[in-house]
Amino acid sequence: MPHSTQPAIIVIGGAEDKVHGREILHKFLERSGGPEARIAIIPSASREPALIGARYRELFEDMGAKAIQVIDVREREQANDPLWQAYIQECTGVFMTGGDQLRLCAILADTPIMDQVHARVQRHEITLAGTSAGAAVMGYHMIAGGGSGKSPNRALVDMATGFGFLPNAIVDQHFHNRNRMARLISAISMHPECLGIGIDEDTCIIVEPDHSLQAMGNGVVTIVDATELSHTNQAQIGTTDPISIHNCRLHLLGHGDRYHLDRRQLIPSS
């Protein structure tokens, strides 16, 4: 299969360009089959799912997708709908919109529709994209909310369980735009085995089946790697006390930079 149409996981930091070049949305469509793409839009994170679903439908129609279906699940029982399940089985791309990641997980976790998405992603049959809240749910450990602009501390971040498409990563979005570095470091101090990935607005990572990724967009992707952590006081301090972390590795990936999730190494430019 040509690389340009090979299924991937695309994790978007939010506020992706919907007006001008639409590079990130075009990349999702391309990886979903281009003019043959059959897109499922999941707006369940939004409090206005009909409105945001219609917006993305219009965008993908304008970009030339072959078929588009908005999977407007607002109650868990709706995820049993056989027509929607049938469409998930035949689509080539799934796009999860922004909103509230806790809402998205509460509605769709462990439902037939999300189980089908999981199975098809694991078999590399579809491209999966998520923006903003749809990006936050990609890890098994999920940042559900929290503050910004303070020193890292345990009270700065609320954790929950995500969908686990990237099980060894913790994703934060709108990253530098909302000053969320301390929040991500606070999360990584609780789960140092996970890789922290902070994604700026109008920026994404494209994760290949071999677990290599490439940054794309107008911002940067921040990688926080605590693999060689030598010390943290996280377990001994109060919830609002500053966290200390020693020997934590940091990478900033600009457009085109590549990194391997499993090897935790930058991939040199060819």
Protein backbone atom coordinates (compact mmCIF):
# COMPACT_ATOMS: atom_id res chain seq x y z
CA MET A 1 0.00 0.00 0.00
CA PRO A 2 1.47 3.44 -0.88
CA HIS A 3 2.59 5.44 2.14
CA SER A 4 0.30 8.34 1.20
CA THR A 5 -2.82 6.22 1.71
CA GLN A 6 -1.56 3.94 4.48
CA PRO A 7 -3.87 4.08 7.52
CA ALA A 8 -2.51 6.00 10.50
CA ILE A 9 -3.52 7.59 13.80
CA ILE A 10 -3.61 11.39 13.56
CA VAL A 11 -3.65 13.29 16.85
CA ILE A 12 -4.49 16.99 16.47
CA GLY A 13 -3.89 19.68 19.10
CA GLY A 14 -7.15 21.47 18.30
CA ALA A 15 -8.10 24.60 16.32
CA GLU A 16 -6.88 23.03 13.08
CA ASP A 17 -7.13 25.25 10.02
CA LYS A 18 -10.59 24.84 8.51
CA VAL A 19 -10.51 27.84 6.16
CA HIS A 20 -7.26 28.26 4.23
CA GLY A 21 -4.99 25.35 3.28
CA ARG A 22 -6.66 22.81 5.63
CA GLU A 23 -3.41 20.82 5.47
CA ILE A 24 -4.14 18.62 8.50
CA LEU A 25 -7.71 17.83 7.41
CA HIS A 26 -6.45 17.10 3.88
CA LYS A 27 -3.84 14.73 5.35
CA PHE A 28 -6.56 12.87 7.27
CA LEU A 29 -8.65 12.58 4.10
CA GLU A 30 -5.64 11.44 2.08
CA ARG A 31 -4.76 8.75 4.64
CA SER A 32 -8.42 7.66 4.63
CA GLY A 33 -8.39 6.95 0.90
CA GLY A 34 -8.54 10.34 -0.78
CA PRO A 35 -11.48 10.60 -3.21
CA GLU A 36 -12.57 7.07 -2.17
CA ALA A 37 -12.67 8.00 1.53
CA ARG A 38 -15.73 7.00 3.54
CA ILE A 39 -15.64 9.15 6.69
CA ALA A 40 -17.37 8.62 10.06
CA ILE A 41 -17.56 11.79 12.16
CA ILE A 42 -18.01 11.27 15.92
CA PRO A 43 -19.09 14.55 17.60
CA SER A 44 -20.05 13.01 20.96
CA ALA A 45 -17.54 15.16 22.90
CA SER A 46 -19.42 18.31 21.90
CA ARG A 47 -22.43 19.80 23.67
CA GLU A 48 -23.64 20.81 20.21
CA PRO A 49 -23.01 17.57 18.30
CA ALA A 50 -25.44 18.32 15.48
CA LEU A 51 -23.80 21.68 14.81
CA ILE A 52 -20.19 20.48 14.95
CA GLY A 53 -21.02 17.27 13.05
CA ALA A 54 -22.59 19.33 10.27
CA ARG A 55 -19.54 21.61 10.16
CA TYR A 56 -17.12 18.73 9.61
CA ARG A 57 -19.51 17.05 7.16
CA GLU A 58 -19.50 20.25 5.10
CA LEU A 59 -15.71 20.46 5.25
CA PHE A 60 -15.13 16.87 4.13
CA GLU A 61 -17.80 17.14 1.43
CA ASP A 62 -16.05 20.25 0.10
CA MET A 63 -12.73 18.36 0.14
CA GLY A 64 -14.20 15.53 -1.95
CA ALA A 65 -14.85 12.58 0.37
CA LYS A 66 -16.88 9.83 -1.28
CA ALA A 67 -19.22 9.25 1.69
CA ILE A 68 -19.70 10.87 5.09
CA GLN A 69 -21.80 9.80 8.07
CA VAL A 70 -22.17 11.70 11.35
CA ILE A 71 -22.33 9.12 14.16
CA ASP A 72 -24.33 11.36 16.51
CA VAL A 73 -24.33 9.21 19.66
CA ARG A 74 -25.67 11.17 22.66
CA GLU A 75 -26.72 8.25 24.90
CA ARG A 76 -24.83 4.98 25.36
CA GLU A 77 -27.78 2.91 24.11
CA GLN A 78 -27.48 4.59 20.70
CA ALA A 79 -24.05 2.99 20.24
CA ASN A 80 -25.91 -0.31 19.66
CA ASP A 81 -27.50 1.07 16.46
CA PRO A 82 -26.90 -1.61 13.76
CA LEU A 83 -26.85 0.96 10.93
CA TRP A 84 -24.10 2.98 12.58
CA GLN A 85 -22.18 -0.19 13.41
CA ALA A 86 -22.44 -1.26 9.77
CA TYR A 87 -21.06 2.09 8.62
CA ILE A 88 -18.13 1.86 11.07
CA GLN A 89 -17.36 -1.57 9.58
CA GLU A 90 -17.14 -0.19 6.04
CA CYS A 91 -15.71 3.31 6.58
CA THR A 92 -12.08 4.16 5.85
CA GLY A 93 -11.61 7.01 8.33
CA VAL A 94 -13.00 8.00 11.76
CA PHE A 95 -12.77 11.61 12.98
CA MET A 96 -13.45 12.46 16.66
CA THR A 97 -14.22 16.14 17.22
CA GLY A 98 -13.44 18.45 20.12
CA GLY A 99 -15.52 19.15 23.21
CA ASP A 100 -15.21 17.42 26.58
CA GLN A 101 -13.07 14.26 26.69
CA LEU A 102 -14.85 12.99 29.82
CA ARG A 103 -18.17 13.27 28.00
CA LEU A 104 -16.77 11.43 24.97
CA CYS A 105 -15.50 8.55 27.12
CA ALA A 106 -18.65 8.38 29.25
CA ILE A 107 -20.81 8.00 26.15
CA LEU A 108 -18.64 5.67 24.03
CA ALA A 109 -16.17 3.70 26.18
CA ASP A 110 -16.79 -0.07 25.97
CA THR A 111 -19.64 0.28 23.46
CA PRO A 112 -20.03 -1.79 20.26
CA ILE A 113 -19.15 1.20 18.07
CA MET A 114 -15.93 2.04 19.91
CA ASP A 115 -15.00 -1.65 20.14
CA GLN A 116 -15.29 -1.81 16.34
CA VAL A 117 -13.15 1.29 15.93
CA HIS A 118 -10.52 -0.25 18.22
CA ALA A 119 -10.46 -3.53 16.30
CA ARG A 120 -10.16 -1.83 12.92
CA VAL A 121 -7.40 0.53 14.12
CA GLN A 122 -5.45 -2.43 15.54
CA ARG A 123 -5.74 -4.20 12.17
CA HIS A 124 -4.56 -1.01 10.40
CA GLU A 125 -7.74 -0.95 8.34
CA ILE A 126 -8.78 2.67 8.99
CA THR A 127 -7.27 6.05 9.74
CA LEU A 128 -8.33 7.45 13.11
CA ALA A 129 -8.09 11.16 13.89
CA GLY A 130 -9.02 13.13 16.99
CA THR A 131 -8.81 16.87 17.60
CA SER A 132 -8.72 18.62 20.99
CA ALA A 133 -10.87 16.38 23.26
CA GLY A 134 -10.64 13.75 20.50
CA ALA A 135 -6.85 13.90 20.93
CA ALA A 136 -6.90 13.72 24.74
CA VAL A 137 -8.68 10.34 24.69
CA MET A 138 -5.94 8.63 22.65
CA GLY A 139 -3.96 7.40 25.65
CA TYR A 140 -4.97 4.85 28.27
CA HIS A 141 -4.18 7.42 30.98
CA MET A 142 -6.07 10.58 30.01
CA ILE A 143 -5.81 14.18 31.15
CA ALA A 144 -9.43 14.99 31.96
CA GLY A 145 -8.85 18.58 33.07
CA GLY A 146 -6.80 20.79 35.32
CA GLY A 147 -5.05 24.12 35.56
CA SER A 148 -2.18 25.91 33.87
CA GLY A 149 0.49 28.47 34.57
CA LYS A 150 1.64 27.07 37.92
CA SER A 151 4.51 24.88 39.03
CA PRO A 152 3.85 21.16 38.48
CA ASN A 153 1.84 19.69 41.36
CA ARG A 154 -0.59 16.84 41.81
CA ALA A 155 -3.61 19.12 42.13
CA LEU A 156 -2.88 20.71 38.76
CA VAL A 157 -4.17 17.75 36.74
CA ASP A 158 -7.21 15.48 36.83
CA MET A 159 -6.64 12.02 35.38
CA ALA A 160 -9.13 9.52 33.98
CA THR A 161 -9.15 6.52 31.62
CA GLY A 162 -9.06 7.16 27.89
CA PHE A 163 -9.60 4.90 24.87
CA GLY A 164 -6.02 3.57 24.78
CA PHE A 165 -5.30 3.81 21.05
CA LEU A 166 -1.80 5.00 22.09
CA PRO A 167 -1.64 3.10 25.39
CA ASN A 168 1.84 4.25 26.48
CA ALA A 169 1.23 7.96 25.85
CA ILE A 170 -0.45 10.79 27.75
CA VAL A 171 -1.67 13.46 25.33
CA ASP A 172 -2.34 17.11 26.10
CA GLN A 173 -3.67 19.58 23.52
CA HIS A 174 -3.87 23.36 22.86
CA PHE A 175 -0.49 22.92 24.50
CA HIS A 176 1.69 26.03 24.38
CA ASN A 177 -1.37 28.08 23.44
CA ARG A 178 -2.82 27.43 26.92
CA ASN A 179 0.45 27.09 28.86
CA ARG A 180 -0.02 23.41 29.73
CA MET A 181 3.58 22.27 30.22
CA ALA A 182 3.26 22.08 34.02
CA ARG A 183 0.02 20.12 33.67
CA LEU A 184 1.64 17.50 31.41
CA ILE A 185 4.69 17.18 33.67
CA SER A 186 2.35 16.72 36.65
CA ALA A 187 0.62 13.87 34.78
CA ILE A 188 3.93 12.26 33.79
CA SER A 189 5.13 12.37 37.40
CA MET A 190 2.18 10.09 38.26
CA HIS A 191 2.81 7.77 35.29
CA PRO A 192 6.54 8.04 34.42
CA GLU A 193 6.31 4.91 32.28
CA CYS A 194 4.19 6.90 29.81
CA LEU A 195 5.44 9.32 27.19
CA GLY A 196 4.05 12.83 27.49
CA ILE A 197 2.94 14.36 24.18
CA GLY A 198 1.84 18.00 24.15
CA ILE A 199 0.44 19.20 20.82
CA ASP A 200 -0.03 22.84 19.87
CA GLU A 201 -3.06 24.17 18.00
CA ASP A 202 -3.16 23.63 14.21
CA THR A 203 -0.52 20.93 14.76
CA CYS A 204 -0.68 17.15 14.79
CA ILE A 205 1.28 13.94 14.98
CA ILE A 206 0.82 11.23 12.36
CA VAL A 207 1.49 7.84 13.98
CA GLU A 208 2.37 5.05 11.56
CA PRO A 209 1.67 1.33 12.11
CA ASP A 210 5.36 0.84 13.05
CA HIS A 211 4.85 3.37 15.90
CA SER A 212 7.01 6.05 14.31
CA LEU A 213 5.44 9.49 14.23
CA GLN A 214 5.88 12.70 12.33
CA ALA A 215 4.97 16.22 13.45
CA MET A 216 2.95 18.39 11.08
CA GLY A 217 1.50 21.88 11.29
CA ASN A 218 2.16 25.44 12.41
CA GLY A 219 3.15 24.76 16.03
CA VAL A 220 5.37 22.25 17.79
CA VAL A 221 4.92 18.86 19.42
CA THR A 222 6.46 18.61 22.89
CA ILE A 223 7.75 15.19 23.98
CA VAL A 224 8.33 14.59 27.71
CA ASP A 225 10.25 11.36 28.30
CA ALA A 226 10.74 10.20 31.92
CA THR A 227 12.20 6.80 30.96
CA GLU A 228 15.52 7.61 32.68
CA LEU A 229 13.93 9.39 35.63
CA SER A 230 16.37 9.32 38.56
CA HIS A 231 14.21 10.97 41.24
CA THR A 232 10.81 12.48 41.91
CA ASN A 233 9.24 13.56 45.18
CA GLN A 234 5.74 13.05 43.75
CA ALA A 235 4.72 10.31 46.22
CA GLN A 236 6.00 12.09 49.33
CA ILE A 237 4.52 15.60 48.98
CA GLY A 238 1.13 17.22 49.47
CA THR A 239 -1.24 17.68 46.57
CA THR A 240 -0.37 21.36 46.03
CA ASP A 241 3.38 21.15 46.77
CA PRO A 242 5.75 21.61 43.80
CA ILE A 243 6.91 18.39 42.15
CA SER A 244 10.60 17.84 41.51
CA ILE A 245 11.69 15.54 38.69
CA HIS A 246 15.30 14.71 37.88
CA ASN A 247 16.71 13.57 34.54
CA CYS A 248 13.57 14.09 32.45
CA ARG A 249 14.19 14.38 28.70
CA LEU A 250 12.44 16.99 26.56
CA HIS A 251 12.09 17.24 22.77
CA LEU A 252 10.36 19.88 20.66
CA LEU A 253 9.33 18.58 17.23
CA GLY A 254 8.67 21.04 14.43
CA HIS A 255 6.96 20.35 11.10
CA GLY A 256 8.47 17.25 9.50
CA ASP A 257 10.43 16.07 12.57
CA ARG A 258 10.10 12.37 13.36
CA TYR A 259 10.20 10.29 16.54
CA HIS A 260 9.75 6.62 17.46
CA LEU A 261 7.24 5.93 20.25
CA ASP A 262 8.65 2.54 21.25
CA ARG A 263 12.36 3.31 20.97
CA ARG A 264 11.83 6.78 22.48
CA GLN A 265 14.31 8.21 20.00
CA LEU A 266 14.31 10.98 17.44
CA ILE A 267 14.50 9.66 13.87
CA PRO A 268 17.16 11.57 11.87
CA SER A 269 16.03 13.34 8.72
CA SER A 270 16.80 11.24 5.66
